[in-house]
N, C-alpha and C. Protein backbone atom coordinates (compact mmCIF):
# COMPACT_ATOMS: atom_id res chain seq x y z
N MET A 1 17.05 -14.55 2.92
CA MET A 1 16.05 -14.29 1.91
C MET A 1 16.66 -13.40 0.85
N THR A 2 16.28 -13.67 -0.38
CA THR A 2 16.69 -12.85 -1.50
C THR A 2 15.43 -12.35 -2.19
N GLU A 3 15.45 -11.10 -2.61
CA GLU A 3 14.34 -10.54 -3.37
C GLU A 3 14.90 -9.91 -4.63
N TRP A 4 14.33 -10.34 -5.76
CA TRP A 4 14.67 -9.72 -7.02
C TRP A 4 13.48 -8.88 -7.44
N VAL A 5 13.75 -7.64 -7.81
CA VAL A 5 12.71 -6.70 -8.18
C VAL A 5 13.03 -6.17 -9.57
N GLY A 6 11.98 -6.01 -10.38
CA GLY A 6 12.16 -5.48 -11.72
C GLY A 6 10.93 -4.72 -12.16
N ARG A 7 11.02 -4.13 -13.31
CA ARG A 7 9.90 -3.39 -13.88
C ARG A 7 9.35 -4.14 -15.08
N CYS A 8 8.05 -4.10 -15.19
CA CYS A 8 7.36 -4.68 -16.34
C CYS A 8 6.31 -3.66 -16.75
N ALA A 9 6.52 -3.02 -17.89
CA ALA A 9 5.68 -1.90 -18.32
C ALA A 9 5.72 -0.85 -17.20
N ALA A 10 4.57 -0.45 -16.68
CA ALA A 10 4.53 0.56 -15.62
C ALA A 10 4.53 -0.05 -14.23
N GLY A 11 4.55 -1.38 -14.13
CA GLY A 11 4.48 -2.04 -12.83
C GLY A 11 5.82 -2.52 -12.32
N VAL A 12 5.83 -2.89 -11.06
CA VAL A 12 7.00 -3.46 -10.41
C VAL A 12 6.68 -4.91 -10.07
N VAL A 13 7.61 -5.80 -10.38
CA VAL A 13 7.44 -7.21 -10.04
C VAL A 13 8.48 -7.59 -9.00
N SER A 14 8.10 -8.53 -8.15
CA SER A 14 8.96 -8.95 -7.06
C SER A 14 8.90 -10.47 -6.91
N LEU A 15 10.04 -11.08 -6.66
CA LEU A 15 10.12 -12.51 -6.43
C LEU A 15 11.13 -12.74 -5.30
N CYS A 16 10.66 -13.36 -4.20
CA CYS A 16 11.50 -13.59 -3.01
C CYS A 16 11.59 -15.08 -2.74
N TRP A 17 12.75 -15.51 -2.26
CA TRP A 17 12.92 -16.90 -1.86
C TRP A 17 13.98 -16.98 -0.78
N ASP A 18 13.98 -18.09 -0.06
CA ASP A 18 14.93 -18.29 1.02
C ASP A 18 16.08 -19.19 0.55
N TRP A 19 17.23 -18.97 1.13
CA TRP A 19 18.42 -19.75 0.81
C TRP A 19 19.26 -19.87 2.07
N ALA A 20 20.22 -20.76 2.01
CA ALA A 20 21.17 -20.93 3.12
C ALA A 20 22.54 -21.22 2.54
N GLN A 21 23.55 -20.88 3.30
CA GLN A 21 24.92 -21.21 2.92
C GLN A 21 25.34 -22.42 3.73
N GLY A 22 25.72 -23.47 3.02
CA GLY A 22 26.13 -24.71 3.68
C GLY A 22 27.53 -24.61 4.25
N ALA A 23 27.88 -25.59 5.05
CA ALA A 23 29.22 -25.65 5.64
C ALA A 23 30.30 -25.70 4.55
N ASP A 24 29.91 -26.19 3.36
CA ASP A 24 30.85 -26.26 2.25
C ASP A 24 31.01 -24.92 1.53
N GLY A 25 30.24 -23.90 1.97
CA GLY A 25 30.32 -22.58 1.36
C GLY A 25 29.36 -22.36 0.22
N ASN A 26 28.74 -23.44 -0.29
CA ASN A 26 27.79 -23.32 -1.39
C ASN A 26 26.46 -22.77 -0.89
N LEU A 27 25.73 -22.13 -1.80
CA LEU A 27 24.41 -21.58 -1.49
C LEU A 27 23.34 -22.53 -2.00
N TYR A 28 22.31 -22.72 -1.19
CA TYR A 28 21.25 -23.67 -1.52
C TYR A 28 19.88 -23.03 -1.35
N LEU A 29 18.97 -23.34 -2.27
CA LEU A 29 17.58 -22.93 -2.12
C LEU A 29 16.96 -23.68 -0.95
N LEU A 30 16.13 -23.00 -0.19
CA LEU A 30 15.38 -23.65 0.88
C LEU A 30 13.95 -23.83 0.37
N LYS A 31 13.70 -24.96 -0.24
CA LYS A 31 12.40 -25.18 -0.86
C LYS A 31 11.32 -25.55 0.17
N GLU A 32 11.69 -25.63 1.44
CA GLU A 32 10.69 -25.88 2.47
C GLU A 32 9.79 -24.65 2.64
N VAL A 33 10.28 -23.50 2.19
CA VAL A 33 9.53 -22.25 2.27
C VAL A 33 9.19 -21.82 0.84
N ALA A 34 7.92 -21.63 0.56
CA ALA A 34 7.49 -21.26 -0.80
C ALA A 34 7.97 -19.86 -1.15
N PRO A 35 8.26 -19.62 -2.43
CA PRO A 35 8.62 -18.27 -2.86
C PRO A 35 7.44 -17.32 -2.62
N ARG A 36 7.78 -16.06 -2.42
CA ARG A 36 6.77 -15.01 -2.32
C ARG A 36 6.89 -14.12 -3.54
N THR A 37 5.76 -13.75 -4.12
CA THR A 37 5.80 -12.97 -5.35
C THR A 37 4.48 -12.25 -5.58
N ASN A 38 4.55 -11.21 -6.39
CA ASN A 38 3.32 -10.57 -6.85
C ASN A 38 3.01 -10.98 -8.29
N LEU A 39 3.73 -11.97 -8.78
CA LEU A 39 3.48 -12.50 -10.12
C LEU A 39 2.37 -13.55 -10.07
N MET A 40 1.63 -13.66 -11.15
CA MET A 40 0.64 -14.72 -11.29
C MET A 40 1.09 -15.61 -12.43
N VAL A 41 1.32 -16.88 -12.12
CA VAL A 41 1.72 -17.85 -13.14
C VAL A 41 0.45 -18.26 -13.90
N ILE A 42 0.58 -18.34 -15.21
CA ILE A 42 -0.55 -18.78 -16.03
C ILE A 42 -0.17 -20.05 -16.79
N ASP A 43 -1.18 -20.85 -17.12
CA ASP A 43 -0.91 -22.07 -17.87
C ASP A 43 -0.92 -21.78 -19.36
N ALA A 44 -0.75 -22.80 -20.18
CA ALA A 44 -0.65 -22.64 -21.63
C ALA A 44 -1.92 -22.07 -22.25
N THR A 45 -3.05 -22.19 -21.56
CA THR A 45 -4.31 -21.66 -22.10
C THR A 45 -4.62 -20.27 -21.57
N GLY A 46 -3.74 -19.73 -20.71
CA GLY A 46 -3.92 -18.38 -20.20
C GLY A 46 -4.64 -18.30 -18.87
N TYR A 47 -4.94 -19.43 -18.26
CA TYR A 47 -5.61 -19.43 -16.95
C TYR A 47 -4.59 -19.36 -15.83
N ASP A 48 -4.99 -18.71 -14.72
CA ASP A 48 -4.12 -18.62 -13.54
C ASP A 48 -3.81 -20.01 -12.99
N ARG A 49 -2.57 -20.17 -12.55
CA ARG A 49 -2.17 -21.38 -11.82
C ARG A 49 -2.01 -20.97 -10.37
N PRO A 50 -2.99 -21.29 -9.53
CA PRO A 50 -2.95 -20.81 -8.15
C PRO A 50 -1.96 -21.57 -7.27
N GLY A 51 -1.52 -20.88 -6.22
CA GLY A 51 -0.76 -21.46 -5.12
C GLY A 51 0.20 -22.57 -5.45
N ASP A 52 -0.07 -23.74 -4.88
CA ASP A 52 0.84 -24.89 -5.01
C ASP A 52 1.03 -25.33 -6.45
N LEU A 53 0.05 -25.10 -7.31
CA LEU A 53 0.20 -25.50 -8.71
C LEU A 53 1.25 -24.66 -9.43
N ALA A 54 1.49 -23.46 -8.93
CA ALA A 54 2.47 -22.56 -9.56
C ALA A 54 3.89 -22.80 -9.05
N LEU A 55 4.05 -23.51 -7.93
CA LEU A 55 5.37 -23.67 -7.33
C LEU A 55 6.43 -24.25 -8.26
N PRO A 56 6.14 -25.32 -9.01
CA PRO A 56 7.19 -25.83 -9.90
C PRO A 56 7.67 -24.79 -10.91
N ASP A 57 6.75 -23.98 -11.41
CA ASP A 57 7.14 -22.94 -12.37
C ASP A 57 7.98 -21.85 -11.71
N LEU A 58 7.62 -21.47 -10.47
CA LEU A 58 8.40 -20.46 -9.76
C LEU A 58 9.79 -20.97 -9.43
N TRP A 59 9.90 -22.23 -8.99
CA TRP A 59 11.23 -22.79 -8.70
C TRP A 59 12.08 -22.85 -9.97
N THR A 60 11.47 -23.20 -11.10
CA THR A 60 12.21 -23.23 -12.37
C THR A 60 12.71 -21.84 -12.73
N LEU A 61 11.87 -20.84 -12.53
CA LEU A 61 12.27 -19.46 -12.80
C LEU A 61 13.43 -19.06 -11.90
N ILE A 62 13.32 -19.33 -10.61
CA ILE A 62 14.38 -18.97 -9.66
C ILE A 62 15.68 -19.68 -9.99
N GLU A 63 15.60 -20.96 -10.33
CA GLU A 63 16.81 -21.72 -10.65
C GLU A 63 17.47 -21.21 -11.93
N GLY A 64 16.74 -20.48 -12.77
CA GLY A 64 17.29 -19.91 -13.98
C GLY A 64 17.92 -18.53 -13.79
N ILE A 65 17.74 -17.96 -12.61
CA ILE A 65 18.31 -16.65 -12.30
C ILE A 65 19.71 -16.88 -11.74
N PRO A 66 20.69 -16.07 -12.13
CA PRO A 66 22.05 -16.26 -11.61
C PRO A 66 22.22 -15.70 -10.19
N TRP A 67 21.29 -16.06 -9.31
CA TRP A 67 21.31 -15.51 -7.95
C TRP A 67 22.47 -16.00 -7.10
N PRO A 68 22.94 -17.28 -7.23
CA PRO A 68 24.02 -17.70 -6.32
C PRO A 68 25.27 -16.83 -6.44
N ALA A 69 25.63 -16.46 -7.65
CA ALA A 69 26.83 -15.64 -7.83
C ALA A 69 26.63 -14.24 -7.24
N ALA A 70 25.45 -13.65 -7.46
CA ALA A 70 25.17 -12.32 -6.92
C ALA A 70 25.14 -12.34 -5.41
N VAL A 71 24.52 -13.36 -4.82
CA VAL A 71 24.45 -13.46 -3.36
C VAL A 71 25.84 -13.74 -2.79
N ALA A 72 26.60 -14.62 -3.41
CA ALA A 72 27.95 -14.92 -2.92
C ALA A 72 28.82 -13.67 -2.92
N GLU A 73 28.69 -12.85 -3.95
CA GLU A 73 29.45 -11.60 -4.02
C GLU A 73 29.01 -10.65 -2.90
N ALA A 74 27.70 -10.56 -2.68
CA ALA A 74 27.20 -9.68 -1.62
C ALA A 74 27.64 -10.17 -0.25
N VAL A 75 27.55 -11.48 -0.01
CA VAL A 75 27.95 -12.04 1.28
C VAL A 75 29.44 -11.84 1.52
N ALA A 76 30.24 -12.01 0.47
CA ALA A 76 31.69 -11.85 0.61
C ALA A 76 32.07 -10.41 0.94
N SER A 77 31.23 -9.46 0.57
CA SER A 77 31.55 -8.05 0.82
C SER A 77 31.20 -7.61 2.24
N ILE A 78 30.53 -8.46 3.01
CA ILE A 78 30.16 -8.12 4.38
C ILE A 78 31.37 -8.38 5.28
N PRO A 79 31.80 -7.37 6.02
CA PRO A 79 32.96 -7.62 6.90
C PRO A 79 32.58 -8.60 8.01
N PRO A 80 33.54 -9.40 8.45
CA PRO A 80 33.25 -10.34 9.54
C PRO A 80 32.96 -9.59 10.83
N PHE A 81 32.20 -10.24 11.71
CA PHE A 81 31.96 -9.66 13.03
C PHE A 81 33.27 -9.57 13.78
N PRO A 82 33.51 -8.46 14.45
CA PRO A 82 34.73 -8.41 15.28
C PRO A 82 34.61 -9.37 16.45
N PRO A 83 35.70 -9.90 16.94
CA PRO A 83 35.64 -10.86 18.06
C PRO A 83 34.83 -10.33 19.25
N SER A 84 34.87 -9.02 19.49
CA SER A 84 34.15 -8.46 20.64
C SER A 84 32.62 -8.55 20.46
N ALA A 85 32.13 -8.72 19.23
CA ALA A 85 30.70 -8.80 18.98
C ALA A 85 30.18 -10.23 19.09
N ARG A 86 31.08 -11.19 19.16
CA ARG A 86 30.68 -12.60 19.25
C ARG A 86 30.42 -12.96 20.70
N THR A 87 29.42 -13.80 20.87
CA THR A 87 29.14 -14.28 22.23
C THR A 87 29.13 -15.79 22.22
N ASN A 88 29.54 -16.38 23.31
CA ASN A 88 29.48 -17.84 23.47
C ASN A 88 28.29 -18.16 24.35
N HIS A 89 27.43 -19.02 23.86
CA HIS A 89 26.25 -19.43 24.64
C HIS A 89 26.35 -20.86 25.05
């Protein structure tokens, strides 16, 4: 899960979504799980777009954020588990 947090006027906004790293090393959005946010999407007339109606707009917003590079950098900075911490099941 990734959470981006920012300030808007005196408030704090948050947008969270799930992702996975594929066997190819690339990062992918997991759209099976809806984003979580405290934002309210509005339509062109200023009315709230509730729940599922807002999902396309939230996915477009997320896809416009340079999150893959930031997450890849963060993941690369995590040291690998030492062999003694690995278990075979």
